[in-house]
Amino acid sequence: MTHPFHPLHGREFELVEIKPVMGVGYVHYTGDDGALCSIRQAWTSVSSEDPFVRVAAGRSAFRVSDLLALGALMDSLAGDDGGGKEADGGTETVKEILPNV
């Protein structure tokens, strides 16, 4: 398990299979009690590297779309009625620049 906040972080298990469920990869493994368990593939070392992480190369921890969503959430928690200049979700004030991959 490679997800830093998972309780089994750092543990190794025997891989049984990798199976997609509704477009999300899941890893099936045998737990300590012998039962079949599953976890998201992205939380394991079986996961392929996220293209954003590879391109960002440590220069950026957040995607623009994630930051815009966070800003909208913060506005809604602050009681902003959305009537301000960011009512469009920030698309008028923030320009999204994507790298050529």
C-alpha atoms as a PDB file:
ATOM      1  CA  MET A   1       0.000   0.000   0.000  1.00  0.00           C
ATOM      2  CA  THR A   2       1.476   3.328  -1.028  1.00  0.00           C
ATOM      3  CA  HIS A   3      -1.317   5.762  -0.071  1.00  0.00           C
ATOM      4  CA  PRO A   4       0.216   7.780   2.783  1.00  0.00           C
ATOM      5  CA  PHE A   5      -2.978   7.920   4.884  1.00  0.00           C
ATOM      6  CA  HIS A   6      -4.154   4.333   4.425  1.00  0.00           C
ATOM      7  CA  PRO A   7      -3.899   2.275   7.643  1.00  0.00           C
ATOM      8  CA  LEU A   8      -2.022  -0.449   5.750  1.00  0.00           C
ATOM      9  CA  HIS A   9       0.527   1.993   4.291  1.00  0.00           C
ATOM     10  CA  GLY A  10       3.871   0.287   3.731  1.00  0.00           C
ATOM     11  CA  ARG A  11       2.481  -3.246   3.972  1.00  0.00           C
ATOM     12  CA  GLU A  12       2.911  -5.735   1.136  1.00  0.00           C
ATOM     13  CA  PHE A  13       0.277  -8.240   0.069  1.00  0.00           C
ATOM     14  CA  GLU A  14       0.030 -10.948  -2.561  1.00  0.00           C
ATOM     15  CA  LEU A  15      -1.702  -9.626  -5.678  1.00  0.00           C
ATOM     16  CA  VAL A  16      -4.639 -11.749  -6.859  1.00  0.00           C
ATOM     17  CA  GLU A  17      -5.895  -9.651  -9.793  1.00  0.00           C
ATOM     18  CA  ILE A  18      -6.443  -6.145 -11.107  1.00  0.00           C
ATOM     19  CA  LYS A  19      -9.994  -5.482 -12.186  1.00  0.00           C
ATOM     20  CA  PRO A  20     -11.687  -2.303 -13.442  1.00  0.00           C
ATOM     21  CA  VAL A  21     -14.981  -1.379 -11.768  1.00  0.00           C
ATOM     22  CA  MET A  22     -16.903   1.423 -13.489  1.00  0.00           C
ATOM     23  CA  GLY A  23     -13.706   2.750 -15.060  1.00  0.00           C
ATOM     24  CA  VAL A  24     -11.662   2.685 -11.835  1.00  0.00           C
ATOM     25  CA  GLY A  25      -8.977   0.046 -11.364  1.00  0.00           C
ATOM     26  CA  TYR A  26      -9.162  -2.071  -8.222  1.00  0.00           C
ATOM     27  CA  VAL A  27      -6.494  -4.412  -6.898  1.00  0.00           C
ATOM     28  CA  HIS A  28      -7.685  -7.624  -5.293  1.00  0.00           C
ATOM     29  CA  TYR A  29      -5.353  -9.135  -2.717  1.00  0.00           C
ATOM     30  CA  THR A  30      -5.379 -11.716   0.048  1.00  0.00           C
ATOM     31  CA  GLY A  31      -5.651 -10.132   3.497  1.00  0.00           C
ATOM     32  CA  ASP A  32      -4.034 -11.321   6.727  1.00  0.00           C
ATOM     33  CA  ASP A  33      -7.053 -13.498   7.536  1.00  0.00           C
ATOM     34  CA  GLY A  34      -7.030 -15.111   4.083  1.00  0.00           C
ATOM     35  CA  ALA A  35     -10.080 -13.182   2.895  1.00  0.00           C
ATOM     36  CA  LEU A  36     -10.158 -11.535  -0.542  1.00  0.00           C
ATOM     37  CA  CYS A  37      -9.827  -7.757  -0.156  1.00  0.00           C
ATOM     38  CA  SER A  38      -9.778  -4.922  -2.658  1.00  0.00           C
ATOM     39  CA  ILE A  39      -8.407  -1.398  -2.807  1.00  0.00           C
ATOM     40  CA  ARG A  40      -8.132   1.284  -5.485  1.00  0.00           C
ATOM     41  CA  GLN A  41      -5.235   0.581  -7.808  1.00  0.00           C
ATOM     42  CA  ALA A  42      -4.049   4.196  -7.490  1.00  0.00           C
ATOM     43  CA  TRP A  43      -3.319   3.588  -3.780  1.00  0.00           C
ATOM     44  CA  THR A  44      -0.860   0.783  -4.515  1.00  0.00           C
ATOM     45  CA  SER A  45       2.529   0.330  -6.153  1.00  0.00           C
ATOM     46  CA  VAL A  46       0.723  -1.419  -9.027  1.00  0.00           C
ATOM     47  CA  SER A  47      -0.577   1.972 -10.107  1.00  0.00           C
ATOM     48  CA  SER A  48       0.851   3.717 -13.126  1.00  0.00           C
ATOM     49  CA  GLU A  49       2.289   7.183 -12.575  1.00  0.00           C
ATOM     50  CA  ASP A  50      -0.204  10.045 -12.817  1.00  0.00           C
ATOM     51  CA  PRO A  51       0.609  12.042 -16.000  1.00  0.00           C
ATOM     52  CA  PHE A  52       0.118  15.339 -14.130  1.00  0.00           C
ATOM     53  CA  VAL A  53       2.675  14.326 -11.496  1.00  0.00           C
ATOM     54  CA  ARG A  54       5.155  13.364 -14.216  1.00  0.00           C
ATOM     55  CA  VAL A  55       4.743  16.615 -16.181  1.00  0.00           C
ATOM     56  CA  ALA A  56       4.709  18.850 -13.082  1.00  0.00           C
ATOM     57  CA  ALA A  57       7.956  17.226 -11.889  1.00  0.00           C
ATOM     58  CA  GLY A  58       7.492  18.589  -8.379  1.00  0.00           C
ATOM     59  CA  ARG A  59       6.839  22.160  -9.516  1.00  0.00           C
ATOM     60  CA  SER A  60       3.097  22.075  -8.808  1.00  0.00           C
ATOM     61  CA  ALA A  61       1.136  20.095  -6.270  1.00  0.00           C
ATOM     62  CA  PHE A  62      -2.320  21.081  -7.532  1.00  0.00           C
ATOM     63  CA  ARG A  63      -4.200  21.014 -10.835  1.00  0.00           C
ATOM     64  CA  VAL A  64      -5.878  24.250 -11.971  1.00  0.00           C
ATOM     65  CA  SER A  65      -9.303  22.572 -12.077  1.00  0.00           C
ATOM     66  CA  ASP A  66      -8.836  21.332  -8.488  1.00  0.00           C
ATOM     67  CA  LEU A  67      -7.866  24.828  -7.283  1.00  0.00           C
ATOM     68  CA  LEU A  68     -10.871  26.375  -9.035  1.00  0.00           C
ATOM     69  CA  ALA A  69     -13.161  23.806  -7.406  1.00  0.00           C
ATOM     70  CA  LEU A  70     -11.564  24.528  -4.018  1.00  0.00           C
ATOM     71  CA  GLY A  71     -12.104  28.265  -4.517  1.00  0.00           C
ATOM     72  CA  ALA A  72     -15.769  27.697  -5.356  1.00  0.00           C
ATOM     73  CA  LEU A  73     -16.157  25.523  -2.261  1.00  0.00           C
ATOM     74  CA  MET A  74     -14.497  28.153  -0.069  1.00  0.00           C
ATOM     75  CA  ASP A  75     -16.810  30.824  -1.496  1.00  0.00           C
ATOM     76  CA  SER A  76     -19.859  28.691  -0.750  1.00  0.00           C
ATOM     77  CA  LEU A  77     -18.693  28.054   2.821  1.00  0.00           C
ATOM     78  CA  ALA A  78     -18.030  31.768   3.341  1.00  0.00           C
ATOM     79  CA  GLY A  79     -21.636  32.556   2.384  1.00  0.00           C
ATOM     80  CA  ASP A  80     -20.756  34.222  -0.901  1.00  0.00           C
ATOM     81  CA  ASP A  81     -23.935  34.446  -2.944  1.00  0.00           C
ATOM     82  CA  GLY A  82     -22.012  34.047  -6.193  1.00  0.00           C
ATOM     83  CA  GLY A  83     -22.906  37.559  -7.349  1.00  0.00           C
ATOM     84  CA  GLY A  84     -19.303  38.731  -7.353  1.00  0.00           C
ATOM     85  CA  LYS A  85     -16.889  38.712 -10.249  1.00  0.00           C
ATOM     86  CA  GLU A  86     -16.036  35.054  -9.512  1.00  0.00           C
ATOM     87  CA  ALA A  87     -19.624  33.904 -10.089  1.00  0.00           C
ATOM     88  CA  ASP A  88     -18.371  32.075 -13.181  1.00  0.00           C
ATOM     89  CA  GLY A  89     -16.191  29.795 -11.045  1.00  0.00           C
ATOM     90  CA  GLY A  90     -13.118  31.909 -11.738  1.00  0.00           C
ATOM     91  CA  THR A  91     -12.940  31.197 -15.458  1.00  0.00           C
ATOM     92  CA  GLU A  92     -12.986  34.920 -16.287  1.00  0.00           C
ATOM     93  CA  THR A  93     -10.170  35.735 -13.854  1.00  0.00           C
ATOM     94  CA  VAL A  94      -7.969  32.636 -14.182  1.00  0.00           C
ATOM     95  CA  LYS A  95      -6.504  31.494 -17.466  1.00  0.00           C
ATOM     96  CA  GLU A  96      -5.818  27.764 -17.709  1.00  0.00           C
ATOM     97  CA  ILE A  97      -2.500  27.001 -19.396  1.00  0.00           C
ATOM     98  CA  LEU A  98      -1.887  23.345 -20.153  1.00  0.00           C
ATOM     99  CA  PRO A  99       1.489  21.883 -21.105  1.00  0.00           C
ATOM    100  CA  ASN A 100       1.952  20.241 -24.471  1.00  0.00           C
ATOM    101  CA  VAL A 101       2.356  16.558 -23.647  1.00  0.00           C
END
